[in-house]
Amino acid sequence: MRPTSLDEVAGQSHLLRTGSPIRMLAEADTTRAGAVSMILWGPPGTGKTTLAQAIARTSGRRFVELSAITAGVKDVREVMQDAMNQRDLYGQSTILFLDEIHRFTKAQQDALLPGVENGWVNLIAATTENPSFSVISPLLSRSLLLTLQPLTDDDIALLITRAVTDARGLAGTVTLDDDARAALVRLASGDARRALTGLEAAAAVAMSPDEEDSVAPIVVTADHVAQAVDRALLRYDRQGDEHYDVISAFIKSIRGSDPDAAVHYLARMVEAGEDPRFIARRLVISAAEDIGLADPQALVIATAAADAVAFIGMPEGRIPLAEATIYLATTAKSNAAYTAIDAAIADLRAGGFGRVPLHLRDAHYPGARKLGHGKGYVYPHDAEAGIVPQQYLPDELVGRQYYNPPERGAEREIAARLDKIRRIVHGRRAQGS
């Protein structure tokens, strides 16, 4: 069912408009400007290989395919030499399709540069990983980066319908009821290969001896799909973009106080086999960064969840992770501690530190008191309130306030108490009392 031309390709309409680089490369006139190398970046099953082969068929260019899993530098150099010979002897241009380019080492990718730079080949490289991290800069600068999107439900439905009737597919030997089509679309998760594999498997179940009856053609139902495909394809690569995207959505859902969304992303990570220690560490960070003193118990619970996961392992570890996730998502939020330390660090990096006031310096080592260390220090415990007027910041930073608690959660009480404390410490007691 692989399309033989660009017009048969489902989805990726943003890349297939008239005059687009892909359309230009597919032109039969190989002398036209616009035939450039490109890197196709997108999830599995979105049409990277399909686009490359359709371009080659439509343009009449010579098509060579390599896989980064099995090919080496020697293979690349042989392709480049052949391409140069074909161009010089026969005027034939070559498309080199390199699948999984992110698996190539830097040295292997370097071997592609002469052919791309000199126009011996038009490289079409496919990757599921972010090229910014996995492809060398010289190759990126010599290629167009085109991003493929997961297929929409309408795209998947079109592919399924076409495969049922097309002679290259099931050729009308079965029909799909609406529930079966909807189930296949949902289970595909935007992956064309997954959709067609599910359709083929469901059709095989429907046509098995136990299922056959006198009705022709055979009807594939949702029950047949359920027997063939047990769960939706979960897009997640522990080393790729989904790893970062899902954990980002997880933390932002906690910060946004949406426990349902947070648990959803937690489940995606758990089901994909993400390291539970990584999840636990992010929960501890979230408790300190996004909740802080609005609920000091949050850090305790997050840390306890991390300890529990290390102690009991998986799959039971998912339960304390879920408990901590829900607690963090539903409690009061404050980033005041986070902003306080960052503001203090920013002042230091800008040169705002000064010397420790004399009365706060250590007076216990020999000769310290002769230097004035500790002189004038007032011991707070000797005061009735346990707080005394006294300068603690260096002279250059007097009056600087880093911690500013919001009127939320436990910090509402801290804010009221801190206002009184600051009035005493800074000698303004009479103004607010």
Protein backbone atom coordinates (compact mmCIF):
# COMPACT_ATOMS: atom_id res chain seq x y z
CA MET A 1 0.00 0.00 0.00
CA ARG A 2 3.00 2.32 -0.20
CA PRO A 3 2.06 5.29 -2.43
CA THR A 4 3.71 5.41 -5.83
CA SER A 5 3.41 9.17 -6.20
CA LEU A 6 3.21 12.23 -3.97
CA ASP A 7 -0.47 12.68 -4.87
CA GLU A 8 -1.26 9.38 -3.14
CA VAL A 9 0.45 10.36 0.09
CA ALA A 10 -1.95 10.83 3.01
CA GLY A 11 -1.17 13.67 5.39
CA GLN A 12 1.79 16.08 5.44
CA SER A 13 -0.14 18.62 3.36
CA HIS A 14 2.08 21.38 4.79
CA LEU A 15 5.05 19.79 2.97
CA LEU A 16 3.31 18.86 -0.28
CA ARG A 17 1.90 22.16 -1.46
CA THR A 18 2.71 23.32 -5.00
CA GLY A 19 6.23 24.70 -5.23
CA SER A 20 7.39 23.07 -1.99
CA PRO A 21 10.95 21.65 -1.80
CA ILE A 22 9.60 18.10 -1.93
CA ARG A 23 7.56 18.87 -5.05
CA MET A 24 10.59 20.54 -6.64
CA LEU A 25 12.79 17.52 -5.95
CA ALA A 26 10.11 15.27 -7.45
CA GLU A 27 10.13 17.20 -10.76
CA ALA A 28 11.32 15.13 -13.70
CA ASP A 29 13.44 18.06 -14.93
CA THR A 30 16.66 17.46 -13.03
CA THR A 31 18.22 20.70 -14.28
CA ARG A 32 15.76 22.91 -12.41
CA ALA A 33 16.89 24.74 -9.32
CA GLY A 34 15.35 23.59 -6.08
CA ALA A 35 16.54 19.97 -6.04
CA VAL A 36 18.13 20.08 -2.60
CA SER A 37 19.08 17.63 0.10
CA MET A 38 16.69 17.34 3.01
CA ILE A 39 16.29 15.81 6.43
CA LEU A 40 12.84 14.41 7.24
CA TRP A 41 12.16 14.47 10.97
CA GLY A 42 9.04 12.89 12.41
CA PRO A 43 7.52 10.03 14.40
CA PRO A 44 7.47 6.47 13.04
CA GLY A 45 4.84 5.70 10.44
CA THR A 46 4.36 9.25 9.18
CA GLY A 47 5.71 8.72 5.66
CA LYS A 48 9.44 9.48 5.61
CA THR A 49 10.39 6.45 3.51
CA THR A 50 7.22 6.81 1.46
CA LEU A 51 8.07 10.40 0.51
CA ALA A 52 11.61 9.47 -0.50
CA GLN A 53 10.47 6.61 -2.73
CA ALA A 54 7.64 8.64 -4.25
CA ILE A 55 10.09 11.42 -5.10
CA ALA A 56 12.42 8.94 -6.79
CA ARG A 57 9.64 7.32 -8.83
CA THR A 58 8.13 10.62 -9.93
CA SER A 59 11.39 12.32 -10.83
CA GLY A 60 13.00 9.36 -12.57
CA ARG A 61 16.13 9.82 -10.51
CA ARG A 62 18.25 6.87 -9.51
CA PHE A 63 17.27 5.75 -6.00
CA VAL A 64 19.69 4.21 -3.51
CA GLU A 65 18.63 3.29 0.00
CA LEU A 66 20.91 2.78 3.00
CA SER A 67 20.09 2.12 6.63
CA ALA A 68 22.27 3.66 9.30
CA ILE A 69 21.77 0.49 11.32
CA THR A 70 23.73 -1.67 8.86
CA ALA A 71 25.70 0.73 6.63
CA GLY A 72 29.16 2.10 7.33
CA VAL A 73 31.56 4.67 5.91
CA LYS A 74 32.67 2.25 3.19
CA ASP A 75 29.08 1.87 1.98
CA VAL A 76 28.57 5.62 1.91
CA ARG A 77 31.75 6.19 -0.10
CA GLU A 78 30.77 3.52 -2.61
CA VAL A 79 27.39 5.17 -3.13
CA MET A 80 29.06 8.56 -3.61
CA GLN A 81 31.50 7.17 -6.18
CA ASP A 82 28.72 5.41 -8.09
CA ALA A 83 26.60 8.56 -8.03
CA MET A 84 29.44 10.64 -9.40
CA ASN A 85 30.01 8.08 -12.19
CA GLN A 86 26.31 7.99 -13.06
CA ARG A 87 26.21 11.77 -13.24
CA ASP A 88 29.36 12.15 -15.35
CA LEU A 89 28.78 9.21 -17.71
CA TYR A 90 25.02 9.14 -18.12
CA GLY A 91 23.73 12.45 -16.77
CA GLN A 92 21.74 10.51 -14.17
CA SER A 93 21.21 12.12 -10.76
CA THR A 94 20.94 10.03 -7.61
CA ILE A 95 18.74 10.23 -4.56
CA LEU A 96 20.36 8.67 -1.52
CA PHE A 97 17.80 7.78 1.11
CA LEU A 98 19.43 7.24 4.49
CA ASP A 99 17.12 5.87 7.14
CA GLU A 100 17.81 6.36 10.87
CA ILE A 101 20.56 8.94 10.27
CA HIS A 102 20.68 9.65 14.00
CA ARG A 103 22.35 6.24 14.41
CA PHE A 104 25.32 7.35 12.30
CA THR A 105 28.43 8.46 14.19
CA LYS A 106 30.01 11.85 13.51
CA ALA A 107 32.64 10.20 11.30
CA GLN A 108 29.97 8.39 9.30
CA GLN A 109 27.98 11.59 8.84
CA ASP A 110 31.16 13.40 7.76
CA ALA A 111 31.45 10.91 4.89
CA LEU A 112 28.18 12.26 3.48
CA LEU A 113 29.40 15.85 3.24
CA PRO A 114 31.39 15.74 -0.04
CA GLY A 115 28.52 14.15 -1.94
CA VAL A 116 25.96 16.58 -0.56
CA GLU A 117 28.17 19.63 -0.97
CA ASN A 118 29.22 18.80 -4.53
CA GLY A 119 25.78 17.69 -5.65
CA TRP A 120 26.76 14.09 -6.39
CA VAL A 121 23.60 13.02 -4.56
CA ASN A 122 20.41 14.54 -3.28
CA LEU A 123 20.35 13.23 0.26
CA ILE A 124 17.03 12.46 1.88
CA ALA A 125 17.76 11.49 5.48
CA ALA A 126 15.08 10.24 7.84
CA THR A 127 15.16 10.43 11.61
CA THR A 128 12.81 10.11 14.56
CA GLU A 129 15.25 12.05 16.78
CA ASN A 130 15.67 15.81 16.97
CA PRO A 131 18.29 16.56 14.28
CA SER A 132 19.66 19.44 16.36
CA PHE A 133 20.99 16.82 18.77
CA SER A 134 21.72 13.92 16.42
CA VAL A 135 22.94 15.40 13.11
CA ILE A 136 26.23 17.26 12.69
CA SER A 137 26.02 20.99 12.03
CA PRO A 138 27.73 20.98 8.59
CA LEU A 139 25.18 18.49 7.31
CA LEU A 140 22.29 20.42 8.84
CA SER A 141 23.46 23.65 7.20
CA ARG A 142 23.57 21.95 3.77
CA SER A 143 20.11 20.39 4.03
CA LEU A 144 16.54 21.51 4.47
CA LEU A 145 14.98 20.33 7.71
CA LEU A 146 11.37 19.27 7.13
CA THR A 147 9.20 18.22 10.06
CA LEU A 148 6.55 15.54 9.54
CA GLN A 149 3.48 15.52 11.76
CA PRO A 150 1.61 12.47 13.10
CA LEU A 151 -1.20 11.59 10.73
CA THR A 152 -4.63 12.88 11.68
CA ASP A 153 -7.58 10.60 12.31
CA ASP A 154 -8.95 11.55 8.89
CA ASP A 155 -5.63 10.60 7.26
CA ILE A 156 -5.62 7.22 8.99
CA ALA A 157 -9.26 6.59 8.07
CA LEU A 158 -8.45 7.35 4.43
CA LEU A 159 -5.55 4.89 4.45
CA ILE A 160 -7.67 2.15 6.03
CA THR A 161 -10.52 2.65 3.56
CA ARG A 162 -8.10 2.63 0.64
CA ALA A 163 -6.39 -0.56 1.88
CA VAL A 164 -9.73 -2.40 2.13
CA THR A 165 -10.64 -1.77 -1.50
CA ASP A 166 -7.31 -1.40 -3.32
CA ALA A 167 -5.95 -4.34 -5.30
CA ARG A 168 -2.61 -3.88 -3.50
CA GLY A 169 -4.39 -4.33 -0.18
CA LEU A 170 -7.35 -6.52 0.76
CA ALA A 171 -8.99 -6.01 -2.65
CA GLY A 172 -12.52 -5.89 -1.28
CA THR A 173 -12.37 -9.32 0.35
CA VAL A 174 -13.63 -7.75 3.60
CA THR A 175 -15.60 -4.73 4.68
CA LEU A 176 -15.24 -2.68 7.84
CA ASP A 177 -18.07 -1.65 10.09
CA ASP A 178 -17.91 1.85 11.57
CA ASP A 179 -16.86 0.70 15.04
CA ALA A 180 -13.97 -1.33 13.63
CA ARG A 181 -12.75 1.60 11.56
CA ALA A 182 -12.96 3.92 14.58
CA ALA A 183 -11.06 1.40 16.73
CA LEU A 184 -8.27 1.03 14.16
CA VAL A 185 -7.96 4.81 13.87
CA ARG A 186 -7.73 5.20 17.63
CA LEU A 187 -5.24 2.38 18.07
CA ALA A 188 -2.98 3.67 15.31
CA SER A 189 -2.00 6.80 17.27
CA GLY A 190 -1.16 8.60 14.03
CA ASP A 191 1.07 5.78 12.72
CA ALA A 192 0.17 4.59 9.20
CA ARG A 193 2.09 1.32 9.55
CA ARG A 194 0.35 0.56 12.80
CA ALA A 195 -3.03 1.19 11.18
CA LEU A 196 -2.34 -1.11 8.22
CA THR A 197 -0.84 -3.82 10.43
CA GLY A 198 -3.89 -3.68 12.69
CA LEU A 199 -6.22 -3.86 9.70
CA GLU A 200 -4.41 -6.86 8.27
CA ALA A 201 -4.43 -8.66 11.61
CA ALA A 202 -8.12 -7.90 12.21
CA ALA A 203 -9.00 -9.11 8.71
CA ALA A 204 -7.07 -12.33 9.36
CA VAL A 205 -9.08 -12.89 12.54
CA ALA A 206 -12.34 -12.24 10.67
CA MET A 207 -11.38 -14.66 7.90
CA SER A 208 -10.24 -17.45 10.19
CA PRO A 209 -12.18 -20.76 9.95
CA ASP A 210 -13.90 -20.15 13.29
CA GLU A 211 -15.20 -16.78 12.12
CA GLU A 212 -16.24 -17.54 8.53
CA ASP A 213 -19.91 -17.74 7.65
CA SER A 214 -22.04 -17.53 4.55
CA VAL A 215 -22.00 -13.76 4.40
CA ALA A 216 -19.78 -12.31 1.65
CA PRO A 217 -17.80 -10.17 1.85
CA ILE A 218 -16.68 -10.80 5.41
CA VAL A 219 -17.37 -7.95 7.82
CA VAL A 220 -14.55 -6.92 10.16
CA THR A 221 -15.99 -5.78 13.49
CA ALA A 222 -14.62 -4.04 16.54
CA ASP A 223 -14.44 -7.45 18.26
CA HIS A 224 -12.05 -8.66 15.56
CA VAL A 225 -9.91 -5.56 16.07
CA ALA A 226 -9.86 -6.11 19.82
CA GLN A 227 -8.63 -9.68 19.32
CA ALA A 228 -5.92 -8.54 16.91
CA VAL A 229 -4.62 -5.42 18.68
CA ASP A 230 -4.49 -5.31 22.45
CA ARG A 231 -3.50 -1.70 23.08
CA ALA A 232 -2.74 1.65 21.49
CA LEU A 233 0.75 2.34 20.28
CA LEU A 234 2.47 4.46 22.90
CA ARG A 235 4.85 7.00 21.41
CA TYR A 236 7.74 7.31 23.80
CA ASP A 237 11.51 7.14 23.39
CA ARG A 238 13.49 7.35 26.60
CA GLN A 239 16.36 8.94 24.69
CA GLY A 240 14.33 11.16 22.36
CA ASP A 241 11.93 14.07 22.19
CA GLU A 242 8.97 12.26 23.74
CA HIS A 243 11.05 11.73 26.88
CA TYR A 244 11.44 15.48 27.29
CA ASP A 245 7.99 16.43 26.03
CA VAL A 246 6.10 14.07 28.34
CA ILE A 247 8.08 14.93 31.47
CA SER A 248 7.61 18.62 30.62
CA ALA A 249 3.85 18.13 30.32
CA PHE A 250 3.89 16.12 33.57
CA ILE A 251 5.58 18.87 35.59
CA LYS A 252 3.50 21.63 34.02
CA SER A 253 0.30 19.74 34.83
CA ILE A 254 1.37 19.49 38.47
CA ARG A 255 2.26 23.19 38.48
CA GLY A 256 -1.11 23.96 36.90
CA SER A 257 -2.96 21.95 39.59
CA ASP A 258 -4.48 19.42 37.17
CA PRO A 259 -4.14 16.00 38.86
CA ASP A 260 -5.93 14.19 36.03
CA ALA A 261 -3.50 15.41 33.39
CA ALA A 262 -0.54 14.79 35.71
CA VAL A 263 -1.59 11.18 36.33
CA HIS A 264 -2.13 10.70 32.58
CA TYR A 265 1.46 11.70 31.82
CA LEU A 266 2.72 9.65 34.75
CA ALA A 267 0.93 6.62 33.29
CA ARG A 268 2.50 7.24 29.88
CA MET A 269 5.96 7.22 31.41
CA VAL A 270 5.27 4.16 33.53
CA GLU A 271 3.83 2.21 30.60
CA ALA A 272 6.75 3.19 28.38
CA GLY A 273 9.25 1.85 30.91
CA GLU A 274 10.68 5.20 31.99
CA ASP A 275 13.18 4.95 34.86
CA PRO A 276 11.01 5.47 37.99
CA ARG A 277 13.95 7.11 39.73
CA PHE A 278 13.92 9.82 37.07
CA ILE A 279 10.21 10.43 37.70
CA ALA A 280 10.77 10.50 41.45
CA ARG A 281 13.60 13.02 41.13
CA ARG A 282 11.39 15.32 39.09
CA LEU A 283 8.66 15.07 41.73
CA VAL A 284 11.16 16.12 44.42
CA ILE A 285 12.25 19.07 42.28
CA SER A 286 8.63 20.05 41.63
CA ALA A 287 7.84 19.92 45.35
CA ALA A 288 10.67 22.34 46.10
CA GLU A 289 10.34 24.57 43.04
CA ASP A 290 6.59 24.88 42.50
CA ILE A 291 5.14 24.28 45.96
CA GLY A 292 7.86 25.19 48.40
CA LEU A 293 6.72 26.63 51.71
CA ALA A 294 3.13 26.98 50.58
CA ASP A 295 2.98 23.35 51.74
CA PRO A 296 6.25 22.17 53.36
CA GLN A 297 4.80 18.65 53.56
CA ALA A 298 4.99 18.35 49.77
CA LEU A 299 8.77 17.88 49.78
CA VAL A 300 8.44 15.28 52.53
CA ILE A 301 5.88 13.29 50.51
CA ALA A 302 7.88 13.55 47.27
CA THR A 303 11.04 12.38 49.02
CA ALA A 304 9.12 9.54 50.67
CA ALA A 305 7.80 8.48 47.27
CA ALA A 306 11.34 8.40 45.89
CA ASP A 307 12.48 6.28 48.84
CA ALA A 308 9.47 3.97 48.42
CA VAL A 309 10.16 3.42 44.72
CA ALA A 310 13.79 2.58 45.46
CA PHE A 311 12.68 0.18 48.21
CA ILE A 312 9.81 -1.70 46.53
CA GLY A 313 10.63 -1.28 42.83
CA MET A 314 8.18 -1.54 39.97
CA PRO A 315 5.38 -2.15 39.12
CA GLU A 316 4.19 -1.42 42.71
CA GLY A 317 6.29 1.76 42.72
CA ARG A 318 3.72 3.34 40.42
CA ILE A 319 1.39 3.69 43.44
CA PRO A 320 3.55 5.98 45.64
CA LEU A 321 4.48 7.90 42.49
CA ALA A 322 0.79 8.43 41.78
CA GLU A 323 0.12 9.40 45.41
CA ALA A 324 2.87 12.01 45.36
CA THR A 325 1.78 13.27 41.93
CA ILE A 326 -1.81 13.82 43.03
CA TYR A 327 -0.75 15.46 46.31
CA LEU A 328 1.58 17.87 44.55
CA ALA A 329 -1.00 18.71 41.88
CA THR A 330 -3.77 19.48 44.38
CA THR A 331 -1.90 21.42 47.06
CA ALA A 332 -1.11 25.16 47.23
CA LYS A 333 1.66 26.42 44.96
CA SER A 334 4.51 28.86 45.51
CA ASN A 335 7.82 29.38 43.77
CA ALA A 336 9.00 31.97 46.30
CA ALA A 337 11.87 29.83 47.61
CA TYR A 338 12.98 29.09 44.05
CA THR A 339 12.92 32.73 43.01
CA ALA A 340 14.63 33.76 46.26
CA ILE A 341 17.73 31.63 45.72
CA ASP A 342 17.91 32.56 42.04
CA ALA A 343 17.67 36.27 42.85
CA ALA A 344 20.42 35.94 45.45
CA ILE A 345 22.64 34.07 42.96
CA ALA A 346 21.96 36.74 40.33
CA ASP A 347 23.12 39.45 42.73
CA LEU A 348 26.31 37.52 43.48
CA ARG A 349 27.09 37.02 39.79
CA ALA A 350 26.58 40.75 39.25
CA GLY A 351 29.13 41.53 41.96
CA GLY A 352 26.64 42.22 44.72
CA PHE A 353 28.10 40.41 47.67
CA GLY A 354 30.27 42.67 49.86
CA ARG A 355 32.01 41.58 53.01
CA VAL A 356 30.39 39.87 55.96
CA PRO A 357 29.65 42.52 58.65
CA LEU A 358 32.22 42.49 61.45
CA HIS A 359 29.74 41.63 64.20
CA LEU A 360 28.70 38.46 62.32
CA ARG A 361 32.20 37.14 61.68
CA ASP A 362 33.64 34.19 63.57
CA ALA A 363 35.32 35.37 66.76
CA HIS A 364 36.61 32.00 68.01
CA TYR A 365 39.95 31.64 66.24
CA PRO A 366 43.07 33.35 67.75
CA GLY A 367 43.34 37.04 67.04
CA ALA A 368 39.81 37.33 65.67
CA ARG A 369 38.56 39.59 68.45
CA LYS A 370 41.49 41.95 67.97
CA LEU A 371 40.24 42.40 64.43
CA GLY A 372 36.80 43.33 65.73
CA HIS A 373 35.14 40.05 64.83
CA GLY A 374 31.94 39.49 66.77
CA LYS A 375 32.04 42.91 68.38
CA GLY A 376 28.53 44.31 68.82
CA TYR A 377 26.75 41.05 67.97
CA VAL A 378 23.39 40.80 69.78
CA TYR A 379 22.34 37.27 70.76
CA PRO A 380 18.66 36.89 69.71
CA HIS A 381 17.84 34.30 72.37
CA ASP A 382 18.48 36.88 75.06
CA ALA A 383 15.59 38.98 73.74
CA GLU A 384 12.03 38.29 74.86
CA ALA A 385 10.77 37.95 71.27
CA GLY A 386 13.83 35.98 70.13
CA ILE A 387 14.41 38.64 67.46
CA VAL A 388 16.59 41.74 67.71
CA PRO A 389 17.33 44.78 65.53
CA GLN A 390 20.53 43.84 63.76
CA GLN A 391 22.16 44.08 60.33
CA TYR A 392 22.76 40.71 58.71
CA LEU A 393 23.32 41.52 55.03
CA PRO A 394 26.57 43.11 53.81
CA ASP A 395 26.48 46.92 53.61
CA GLU A 396 26.11 46.81 49.83
CA LEU A 397 22.89 44.76 50.07
CA VAL A 398 21.13 46.32 53.04
CA GLY A 399 17.38 46.43 52.35
CA ARG A 400 17.50 43.70 49.67
CA GLN A 401 14.63 41.20 49.99
CA TYR A 402 14.90 37.87 48.19
CA TYR A 403 12.10 35.91 49.79
CA ASN A 404 8.62 37.30 49.13
CA PRO A 405 5.97 34.74 50.09
CA PRO A 406 2.58 34.89 48.38
CA GLU A 407 -0.73 34.90 50.24
CA ARG A 408 -1.29 31.19 49.55
CA GLY A 409 -1.30 28.07 51.67
CA ALA A 410 1.03 27.98 54.65
CA GLU A 411 2.92 30.97 53.30
CA ARG A 412 -0.02 33.21 54.14
CA GLU A 413 0.95 32.84 57.80
CA ILE A 414 4.66 33.06 56.98
CA ALA A 415 4.08 36.33 55.12
CA ALA A 416 2.30 37.91 58.08
CA ARG A 417 4.98 36.72 60.52
CA LEU A 418 7.81 37.74 58.21
CA ASP A 419 6.48 41.29 57.97
CA LYS A 420 6.69 41.63 61.76
CA ILE A 421 10.13 40.00 61.84
CA ARG A 422 11.53 42.34 59.21
CA ARG A 423 10.19 45.39 61.06
CA ILE A 424 12.06 44.34 64.20
CA VAL A 425 15.27 43.22 62.48
CA HIS A 426 15.48 46.37 60.39
CA GLY A 427 14.61 48.63 63.35
CA ARG A 428 11.15 49.61 62.14
CA ARG A 429 9.20 48.10 64.99
CA ALA A 430 7.46 51.30 65.98
CA GLN A 431 6.05 51.89 62.48
CA GLY A 432 3.94 48.79 62.23
CA SER A 433 3.11 47.89 65.81
